[in-house]
Amino acid sequence: MARADLTFTPRLLPASKAAAYLGISESTLRTLNLPRRILGSKRLYDVLALDHYADSLTVEGEEIASEANTCRGKFGRRAS
């Protein structure tokens, strides 16, 4: 019997792979202040936290549920 090669995404990713997973640069990833897991001297991003972050992003075309992303929410003004 031939041994099957399994391909899967590891649960914990270094910054370079976590950034690639989200489709952003490493420098952008580091500005997001996402939690990291500590494994020895390594700081790794949990795929579950990356998925949670991606799921929380606003979807284009959907109505914004809160005022946080509106002109009024950001500057206390009405949109004209």
PDB file of N, CA and C in Angstrom:
ATOM      1  N   MET A   1       0.825  -1.193   0.000  1.00  0.00           N
ATOM      2  CA  MET A   1       0.000   0.000   0.000  1.00  0.00           C
ATOM      3  C   MET A   1       0.864   1.250   0.000  1.00  0.00           C
ATOM      4  N   ALA A   2       0.472   2.194  -0.809  1.00  0.00           N
ATOM      5  CA  ALA A   2       1.192   3.464  -0.869  1.00  0.00           C
ATOM      6  C   ALA A   2       0.747   4.356   0.286  1.00  0.00           C
ATOM      7  N   ARG A   3       1.684   5.078   0.805  1.00  0.00           N
ATOM      8  CA  ARG A   3       1.384   5.992   1.905  1.00  0.00           C
ATOM      9  C   ARG A   3       0.795   7.287   1.333  1.00  0.00           C
ATOM     10  N   ALA A   4      -0.335   7.712   1.859  1.00  0.00           N
ATOM     11  CA  ALA A   4      -1.000   8.923   1.361  1.00  0.00           C
ATOM     12  C   ALA A   4      -0.336  10.149   1.965  1.00  0.00           C
ATOM     13  N   ASP A   5      -0.109  11.141   1.124  1.00  0.00           N
ATOM     14  CA  ASP A   5       0.416  12.412   1.601  1.00  0.00           C
ATOM     15  C   ASP A   5      -0.759  13.310   1.941  1.00  0.00           C
ATOM     16  N   LEU A   6      -0.836  13.733   3.186  1.00  0.00           N
ATOM     17  CA  LEU A   6      -1.906  14.617   3.619  1.00  0.00           C
ATOM     18  C   LEU A   6      -1.454  16.061   3.497  1.00  0.00           C
ATOM     19  N   THR A   7      -2.325  16.899   3.004  1.00  0.00           N
ATOM     20  CA  THR A   7      -2.038  18.319   2.913  1.00  0.00           C
ATOM     21  C   THR A   7      -3.082  19.044   3.748  1.00  0.00           C
ATOM     22  N   PHE A   8      -2.617  19.839   4.695  1.00  0.00           N
ATOM     23  CA  PHE A   8      -3.530  20.576   5.553  1.00  0.00           C
ATOM     24  C   PHE A   8      -2.836  21.832   6.053  1.00  0.00           C
ATOM     25  N   THR A   9      -3.647  22.788   6.512  1.00  0.00           N
ATOM     26  CA  THR A   9      -3.108  24.007   7.102  1.00  0.00           C
ATOM     27  C   THR A   9      -2.897  23.753   8.582  1.00  0.00           C
ATOM     28  N   PRO A  10      -1.698  23.974   9.103  1.00  0.00           N
ATOM     29  CA  PRO A  10      -1.469  23.805  10.537  1.00  0.00           C
ATOM     30  C   PRO A  10      -2.337  24.785  11.323  1.00  0.00           C
ATOM     31  N   ARG A  11      -2.683  24.446  12.542  1.00  0.00           N
ATOM     32  CA  ARG A  11      -3.518  25.310  13.384  1.00  0.00           C
ATOM     33  C   ARG A  11      -2.785  26.587  13.777  1.00  0.00           C
ATOM     34  N   LEU A  12      -1.490  26.504  14.057  1.00  0.00           N
ATOM     35  CA  LEU A  12      -0.695  27.658  14.469  1.00  0.00           C
ATOM     36  C   LEU A  12       0.271  28.030  13.350  1.00  0.00           C
ATOM     37  N   LEU A  13       0.275  29.341  13.004  1.00  0.00           N
ATOM     38  CA  LEU A  13       1.069  29.802  11.868  1.00  0.00           C
ATOM     39  C   LEU A  13       2.016  30.924  12.266  1.00  0.00           C
ATOM     40  N   PRO A  14       3.229  30.924  11.705  1.00  0.00           N
ATOM     41  CA  PRO A  14       4.120  32.078  11.901  1.00  0.00           C
ATOM     42  C   PRO A  14       3.551  33.277  11.133  1.00  0.00           C
ATOM     43  N   ALA A  15       4.058  34.465  11.410  1.00  0.00           N
ATOM     44  CA  ALA A  15       3.523  35.701  10.826  1.00  0.00           C
ATOM     45  C   ALA A  15       3.454  35.653   9.305  1.00  0.00           C
ATOM     46  N   SER A  16       4.477  35.156   8.659  1.00  0.00           N
ATOM     47  CA  SER A  16       4.491  35.142   7.184  1.00  0.00           C
ATOM     48  C   SER A  16       3.348  34.304   6.621  1.00  0.00           C
ATOM     49  N   LYS A  17       3.109  33.148   7.210  1.00  0.00           N
ATOM     50  CA  LYS A  17       2.042  32.270   6.727  1.00  0.00           C
ATOM     51  C   LYS A  17       0.663  32.774   7.160  1.00  0.00           C
ATOM     52  N   ALA A  18       0.578  33.389   8.347  1.00  0.00           N
ATOM     53  CA  ALA A  18      -0.690  33.957   8.799  1.00  0.00           C
ATOM     54  C   ALA A  18      -1.111  35.108   7.887  1.00  0.00           C
ATOM     55  N   ALA A  19      -0.154  35.938   7.499  1.00  0.00           N
ATOM     56  CA  ALA A  19      -0.439  37.043   6.582  1.00  0.00           C
ATOM     57  C   ALA A  19      -0.911  36.496   5.227  1.00  0.00           C
ATOM     58  N   ALA A  20      -0.222  35.487   4.735  1.00  0.00           N
ATOM     59  CA  ALA A  20      -0.621  34.873   3.466  1.00  0.00           C
ATOM     60  C   ALA A  20      -2.009  34.247   3.574  1.00  0.00           C
ATOM     61  N   TYR A  21      -2.314  33.642   4.706  1.00  0.00           N
ATOM     62  CA  TYR A  21      -3.624  33.032   4.944  1.00  0.00           C
ATOM     63  C   TYR A  21      -4.736  34.070   4.824  1.00  0.00           C
ATOM     64  N   LEU A  22      -4.491  35.294   5.351  1.00  0.00           N
ATOM     65  CA  LEU A  22      -5.481  36.370   5.269  1.00  0.00           C
ATOM     66  C   LEU A  22      -5.397  37.156   3.967  1.00  0.00           C
ATOM     67  N   GLY A  23      -4.308  36.965   3.216  1.00  0.00           N
ATOM     68  CA  GLY A  23      -4.134  37.688   1.964  1.00  0.00           C
ATOM     69  C   GLY A  23      -3.672  39.122   2.161  1.00  0.00           C
ATOM     70  N   ILE A  24      -2.885  39.345   3.215  1.00  0.00           N
ATOM     71  CA  ILE A  24      -2.363  40.682   3.522  1.00  0.00           C
ATOM     72  C   ILE A  24      -0.859  40.596   3.744  1.00  0.00           C
ATOM     73  N   SER A  25      -0.207  41.747   3.888  1.00  0.00           N
ATOM     74  CA  SER A  25       1.233  41.749   4.143  1.00  0.00           C
ATOM     75  C   SER A  25       1.501  41.503   5.632  1.00  0.00           C
ATOM     76  N   GLU A  26       2.724  41.115   5.934  1.00  0.00           N
ATOM     77  CA  GLU A  26       3.112  40.912   7.334  1.00  0.00           C
ATOM     78  C   GLU A  26       3.013  42.210   8.123  1.00  0.00           C
ATOM     79  N   SER A  27       3.386  43.323   7.500  1.00  0.00           N
ATOM     80  CA  SER A  27       3.334  44.591   8.222  1.00  0.00           C
ATOM     81  C   SER A  27       1.886  44.961   8.555  1.00  0.00           C
ATOM     82  N   THR A  28       0.955  44.679   7.659  1.00  0.00           N
ATOM     83  CA  THR A  28      -0.462  44.918   7.950  1.00  0.00           C
ATOM     84  C   THR A  28      -0.938  43.985   9.046  1.00  0.00           C
ATOM     85  N   LEU A  29      -0.528  42.734   8.990  1.00  0.00           N
ATOM     86  CA  LEU A  29      -0.910  41.762  10.024  1.00  0.00           C
ATOM     87  C   LEU A  29      -0.493  42.251  11.407  1.00  0.00           C
ATOM     88  N   ARG A  30       0.704  42.771  11.515  1.00  0.00           N
ATOM     89  CA  ARG A  30       1.210  43.215  12.815  1.00  0.00           C
ATOM     90  C   ARG A  30       0.452  44.435  13.348  1.00  0.00           C
ATOM     91  N   THR A  31      -0.179  45.227  12.478  1.00  0.00           N
ATOM     92  CA  THR A  31      -0.964  46.377  12.940  1.00  0.00           C
ATOM     93  C   THR A  31      -2.345  45.968  13.444  1.00  0.00           C
ATOM     94  N   LEU A  32      -2.771  44.744  13.170  1.00  0.00           N
ATOM     95  CA  LEU A  32      -4.105  44.290  13.555  1.00  0.00           C
ATOM     96  C   LEU A  32      -4.207  43.924  15.032  1.00  0.00           C
ATOM     97  N   ASN A  33      -3.089  43.782  15.700  1.00  0.00           N
ATOM     98  CA  ASN A  33      -3.065  43.461  17.127  1.00  0.00           C
ATOM     99  C   ASN A  33      -3.843  42.187  17.442  1.00  0.00           C
ATOM    100  N   LEU A  34      -3.674  41.176  16.596  1.00  0.00           N
ATOM    101  CA  LEU A  34      -4.328  39.887  16.831  1.00  0.00           C
ATOM    102  C   LEU A  34      -3.555  39.111  17.894  1.00  0.00           C
ATOM    103  N   PRO A  35      -4.244  38.299  18.686  1.00  0.00           N
ATOM    104  CA  PRO A  35      -3.549  37.531  19.720  1.00  0.00           C
ATOM    105  C   PRO A  35      -2.642  36.469  19.089  1.00  0.00           C
ATOM    106  N   ARG A  36      -1.536  36.193  19.785  1.00  0.00           N
ATOM    107  CA  ARG A  36      -0.617  35.144  19.337  1.00  0.00           C
ATOM    108  C   ARG A  36      -0.442  34.123  20.454  1.00  0.00           C
ATOM    109  N   ARG A  37      -0.185  32.904  20.069  1.00  0.00           N
ATOM    110  CA  ARG A  37       0.112  31.831  21.017  1.00  0.00           C
ATOM    111  C   ARG A  37       1.624  31.743  21.174  1.00  0.00           C
ATOM    112  N   ILE A  38       2.050  31.392  22.362  1.00  0.00           N
ATOM    113  CA  ILE A  38       3.487  31.255  22.634  1.00  0.00           C
ATOM    114  C   ILE A  38       3.827  29.769  22.700  1.00  0.00           C
ATOM    115  N   LEU A  39       4.779  29.361  21.883  1.00  0.00           N
ATOM    116  CA  LEU A  39       5.258  27.982  21.866  1.00  0.00           C
ATOM    117  C   LEU A  39       6.780  28.050  21.919  1.00  0.00           C
ATOM    118  N   GLY A  40       7.322  27.901  23.116  1.00  0.00           N
ATOM    119  CA  GLY A  40       8.755  28.075  23.298  1.00  0.00           C
ATOM    120  C   GLY A  40       9.112  29.522  23.029  1.00  0.00           C
ATOM    121  N   SER A  41      10.004  29.736  22.072  1.00  0.00           N
ATOM    122  CA  SER A  41      10.387  31.100  21.724  1.00  0.00           C
ATOM    123  C   SER A  41       9.589  31.624  20.521  1.00  0.00           C
ATOM    124  N   LYS A  42       8.693  30.804  19.988  1.00  0.00           N
ATOM    125  CA  LYS A  42       7.923  31.200  18.814  1.00  0.00           C
ATOM    126  C   LYS A  42       6.635  31.912  19.218  1.00  0.00           C
ATOM    127  N   ARG A  43       6.238  32.879  18.403  1.00  0.00           N
ATOM    128  CA  ARG A  43       4.956  33.575  18.549  1.00  0.00           C
ATOM    129  C   ARG A  43       4.144  33.212  17.319  1.00  0.00           C
ATOM    130  N   LEU A  44       3.050  32.501  17.514  1.00  0.00           N
ATOM    131  CA  LEU A  44       2.284  31.958  16.393  1.00  0.00           C
ATOM    132  C   LEU A  44       0.842  32.435  16.421  1.00  0.00           C
ATOM    133  N   TYR A  45       0.271  32.618  15.242  1.00  0.00           N
ATOM    134  CA  TYR A  45      -1.115  33.034  15.109  1.00  0.00           C
ATOM    135  C   TYR A  45      -2.000  31.794  14.983  1.00  0.00           C
ATOM    136  N   ASP A  46      -3.091  31.791  15.719  1.00  0.00           N
ATOM    137  CA  ASP A  46      -4.043  30.683  15.693  1.00  0.00           C
ATOM    138  C   ASP A  46      -4.985  30.887  14.503  1.00  0.00           C
ATOM    139  N   VAL A  47      -5.155  29.857  13.688  1.00  0.00           N
ATOM    140  CA  VAL A  47      -6.037  29.933  12.529  1.00  0.00           C
ATOM    141  C   VAL A  47      -7.460  30.294  12.965  1.00  0.00           C
ATOM    142  N   LEU A  48      -7.893  29.831  14.127  1.00  0.00           N
ATOM    143  CA  LEU A  48      -9.238  30.151  14.607  1.00  0.00           C
ATOM    144  C   LEU A  48      -9.388  31.651  14.847  1.00  0.00           C
ATOM    145  N   ALA A  49      -8.353  32.303  15.399  1.00  0.00           N
ATOM    146  CA  ALA A  49      -8.385  33.755  15.612  1.00  0.00           C
ATOM    147  C   ALA A  49      -8.355  34.488  14.275  1.00  0.00           C
ATOM    148  N   LEU A  50      -7.598  33.975  13.318  1.00  0.00           N
ATOM    149  CA  LEU A  50      -7.554  34.580  11.988  1.00  0.00           C
ATOM    150  C   LEU A  50      -8.918  34.466  11.307  1.00  0.00           C
ATOM    151  N   ASP A  51      -9.551  33.303  11.444  1.00  0.00           N
ATOM    152  CA  ASP A  51     -10.889  33.118  10.875  1.00  0.00           C
ATOM    153  C   ASP A  51     -11.899  34.043  11.541  1.00  0.00           C
ATOM    154  N   HIS A  52     -11.807  34.177  12.859  1.00  0.00           N
ATOM    155  CA  HIS A  52     -12.721  35.066  13.589  1.00  0.00           C
ATOM    156  C   HIS A  52     -12.551  36.511  13.107  1.00  0.00           C
ATOM    157  N   TYR A  53     -11.320  36.941  12.939  1.00  0.00           N
ATOM    158  CA  TYR A  53     -11.061  38.285  12.438  1.00  0.00           C
ATOM    159  C   TYR A  53     -11.665  38.464  11.046  1.00  0.00           C
ATOM    160  N   ALA A  54     -11.411  37.518  10.156  1.00  0.00           N
ATOM    161  CA  ALA A  54     -11.920  37.615   8.789  1.00  0.00           C
ATOM    162  C   ALA A  54     -13.450  37.615   8.783  1.00  0.00           C
ATOM    163  N   ASP A  55     -14.056  36.801   9.633  1.00  0.00           N
ATOM    164  CA  ASP A  55     -15.522  36.747   9.709  1.00  0.00           C
ATOM    165  C   ASP A  55     -16.116  38.052  10.229  1.00  0.00           C
ATOM    166  N   SER A  56     -15.351  38.801  11.026  1.00  0.00           N
ATOM    167  CA  SER A  56     -15.868  40.037  11.612  1.00  0.00           C
ATOM    168  C   SER A  56     -15.803  41.234  10.663  1.00  0.00           C
ATOM    169  N   LEU A  57     -15.123  41.091   9.537  1.00  0.00           N
ATOM    170  CA  LEU A  57     -15.009  42.191   8.586  1.00  0.00           C
ATOM    171  C   LEU A  57     -16.353  42.457   7.901  1.00  0.00           C
ATOM    172  N   THR A  58     -16.601  43.715   7.583  1.00  0.00           N
ATOM    173  CA  THR A  58     -17.820  44.095   6.884  1.00  0.00           C
ATOM    174  C   THR A  58     -17.798  43.525   5.476  1.00  0.00           C
ATOM    175  N   VAL A  59     -18.937  43.017   5.041  1.00  0.00           N
ATOM    176  CA  VAL A  59     -19.060  42.467   3.695  1.00  0.00           C
ATOM    177  C   VAL A  59     -19.571  43.561   2.768  1.00  0.00           C
ATOM    178  N   GLU A  60     -18.897  43.746   1.660  1.00  0.00           N
ATOM    179  CA  GLU A  60     -19.290  44.778   0.710  1.00  0.00           C
ATOM    180  C   GLU A  60     -20.728  44.562   0.268  1.00  0.00           C
ATOM    181  N   GLY A  61     -21.507  45.647   0.306  1.00  0.00           N
ATOM    182  CA  GLY A  61     -22.899  45.571  -0.111  1.00  0.00           C
ATOM    183  C   GLY A  61     -23.870  45.289   1.018  1.00  0.00           C
ATOM    184  N   GLU A  62     -23.383  44.866   2.175  1.00  0.00           N
ATOM    185  CA  GLU A  62     -24.259  44.627   3.309  1.00  0.00           C
ATOM    186  C   GLU A  62     -24.432  45.912   4.089  1.00  0.00           C
ATOM    187  N   GLU A  63     -25.600  46.067   4.683  1.00  0.00           N
ATOM    188  CA  GLU A  63     -25.863  47.239   5.499  1.00  0.00           C
ATOM    189  C   GLU A  63     -25.019  47.180   6.760  1.00  0.00           C
ATOM    190  N   ILE A  64     -24.432  48.310   7.141  1.00  0.00           N
ATOM    191  CA  ILE A  64     -23.597  48.373   8.337  1.00  0.00           C
ATOM    192  C   ILE A  64     -24.500  48.375   9.562  1.00  0.00           C
ATOM    193  N   ALA A  65     -24.271  47.431  10.477  1.00  0.00           N
ATOM    194  CA  ALA A  65     -25.129  47.269  11.640  1.00  0.00           C
ATOM    195  C   ALA A  65     -24.926  48.366  12.674  1.00  0.00           C
ATOM    196  N   SER A  66     -23.733  48.920  12.770  1.00  0.00           N
ATOM    197  CA  SER A  66     -23.474  49.937  13.780  1.00  0.00           C
ATOM    198  C   SER A  66     -23.001  51.214  13.103  1.00  0.00           C
ATOM    199  N   GLU A  67     -22.940  52.270  13.865  1.00  0.00           N
ATOM    200  CA  GLU A  67     -22.472  53.539  13.335  1.00  0.00           C
ATOM    201  C   GLU A  67     -20.960  53.667  13.386  1.00  0.00           C
ATOM    202  N   ALA A  68     -20.270  52.677  13.885  1.00  0.00           N
ATOM    203  CA  ALA A  68     -18.822  52.764  14.045  1.00  0.00           C
ATOM    204  C   ALA A  68     -18.115  53.033  12.724  1.00  0.00           C
ATOM    205  N   ASN A  69     -18.636  52.505  11.634  1.00  0.00           N
ATOM    206  CA  ASN A  69     -17.989  52.675  10.340  1.00  0.00           C
ATOM    207  C   ASN A  69     -18.658  53.738   9.482  1.00  0.00           C
ATOM    208  N   THR A  70     -19.445  54.609  10.089  1.00  0.00           N
ATOM    209  CA  THR A  70     -20.092  55.676   9.340  1.00  0.00           C
ATOM    210  C   THR A  70     -19.415  56.998   9.648  1.00  0.00           C
ATOM    211  N   CYS A  71     -19.717  57.990   8.842  1.00  0.00           N
ATOM    212  CA  CYS A  71     -19.169  59.333   9.064  1.00  0.00           C
ATOM    213  C   CYS A  71     -19.584  59.830  10.452  1.00  0.00           C
ATOM    214  N   ARG A  72     -20.832  59.606  10.803  1.00  0.00           N
ATOM    215  CA  ARG A  72     -21.322  60.052  12.119  1.00  0.00           C
ATOM    216  C   ARG A  72     -20.594  59.314  13.241  1.00  0.00           C
ATOM    217  N   GLY A  73     -20.398  57.998  13.067  1.00  0.00           N
ATOM    218  CA  GLY A  73     -19.722  57.223  14.100  1.00  0.00           C
ATOM    219  C   GLY A  73     -18.263  57.618  14.281  1.00  0.00           C
ATOM    220  N   LYS A  74     -17.605  57.992  13.211  1.00  0.00           N
ATOM    221  CA  LYS A  74     -16.189  58.354  13.285  1.00  0.00           C
ATOM    222  C   LYS A  74     -15.964  59.799  13.687  1.00  0.00           C
ATOM    223  N   PHE A  75     -16.843  60.696  13.190  1.00  0.00           N
ATOM    224  CA  PHE A  75     -16.594  62.128  13.410  1.00  0.00           C
ATOM    225  C   PHE A  75     -17.739  62.849  14.110  1.00  0.00           C
ATOM    226  N   GLY A  76     -18.815  62.134  14.443  1.00  0.00           N
ATOM    227  CA  GLY A  76     -19.947  62.763  15.099  1.00  0.00           C
ATOM    228  C   GLY A  76     -20.740  63.672  14.170  1.00  0.00           C
ATOM    229  N   ARG A  77     -20.648  63.399  12.867  1.00  0.00           N
ATOM    230  CA  ARG A  77     -21.354  64.216  11.886  1.00  0.00           C
ATOM    231  C   ARG A  77     -22.300  63.363  11.069  1.00  0.00           C
ATOM    232  N   ARG A  78     -23.266  64.028  10.498  1.00  0.00           N
ATOM    233  CA  ARG A  78     -24.166  63.340   9.577  1.00  0.00           C
ATOM    234  C   ARG A  78     -23.505  63.257   8.210  1.00  0.00           C
ATOM    235  N   ALA A  79     -23.788  62.171   7.519  1.00  0.00           N
ATOM    236  CA  ALA A  79     -23.316  62.076   6.139  1.00  0.00           C
ATOM    237  C   ALA A  79     -24.179  62.986   5.287  1.00  0.00           C
ATOM    238  N   SER A  80     -23.574  63.728   4.346  1.00  0.00           N
ATOM    239  CA  SER A  80     -24.379  64.629   3.530  1.00  0.00           C
ATOM    240  C   SER A  80     -24.728  64.027   2.201  1.00  0.00           C
TER     241      SER A  80
END
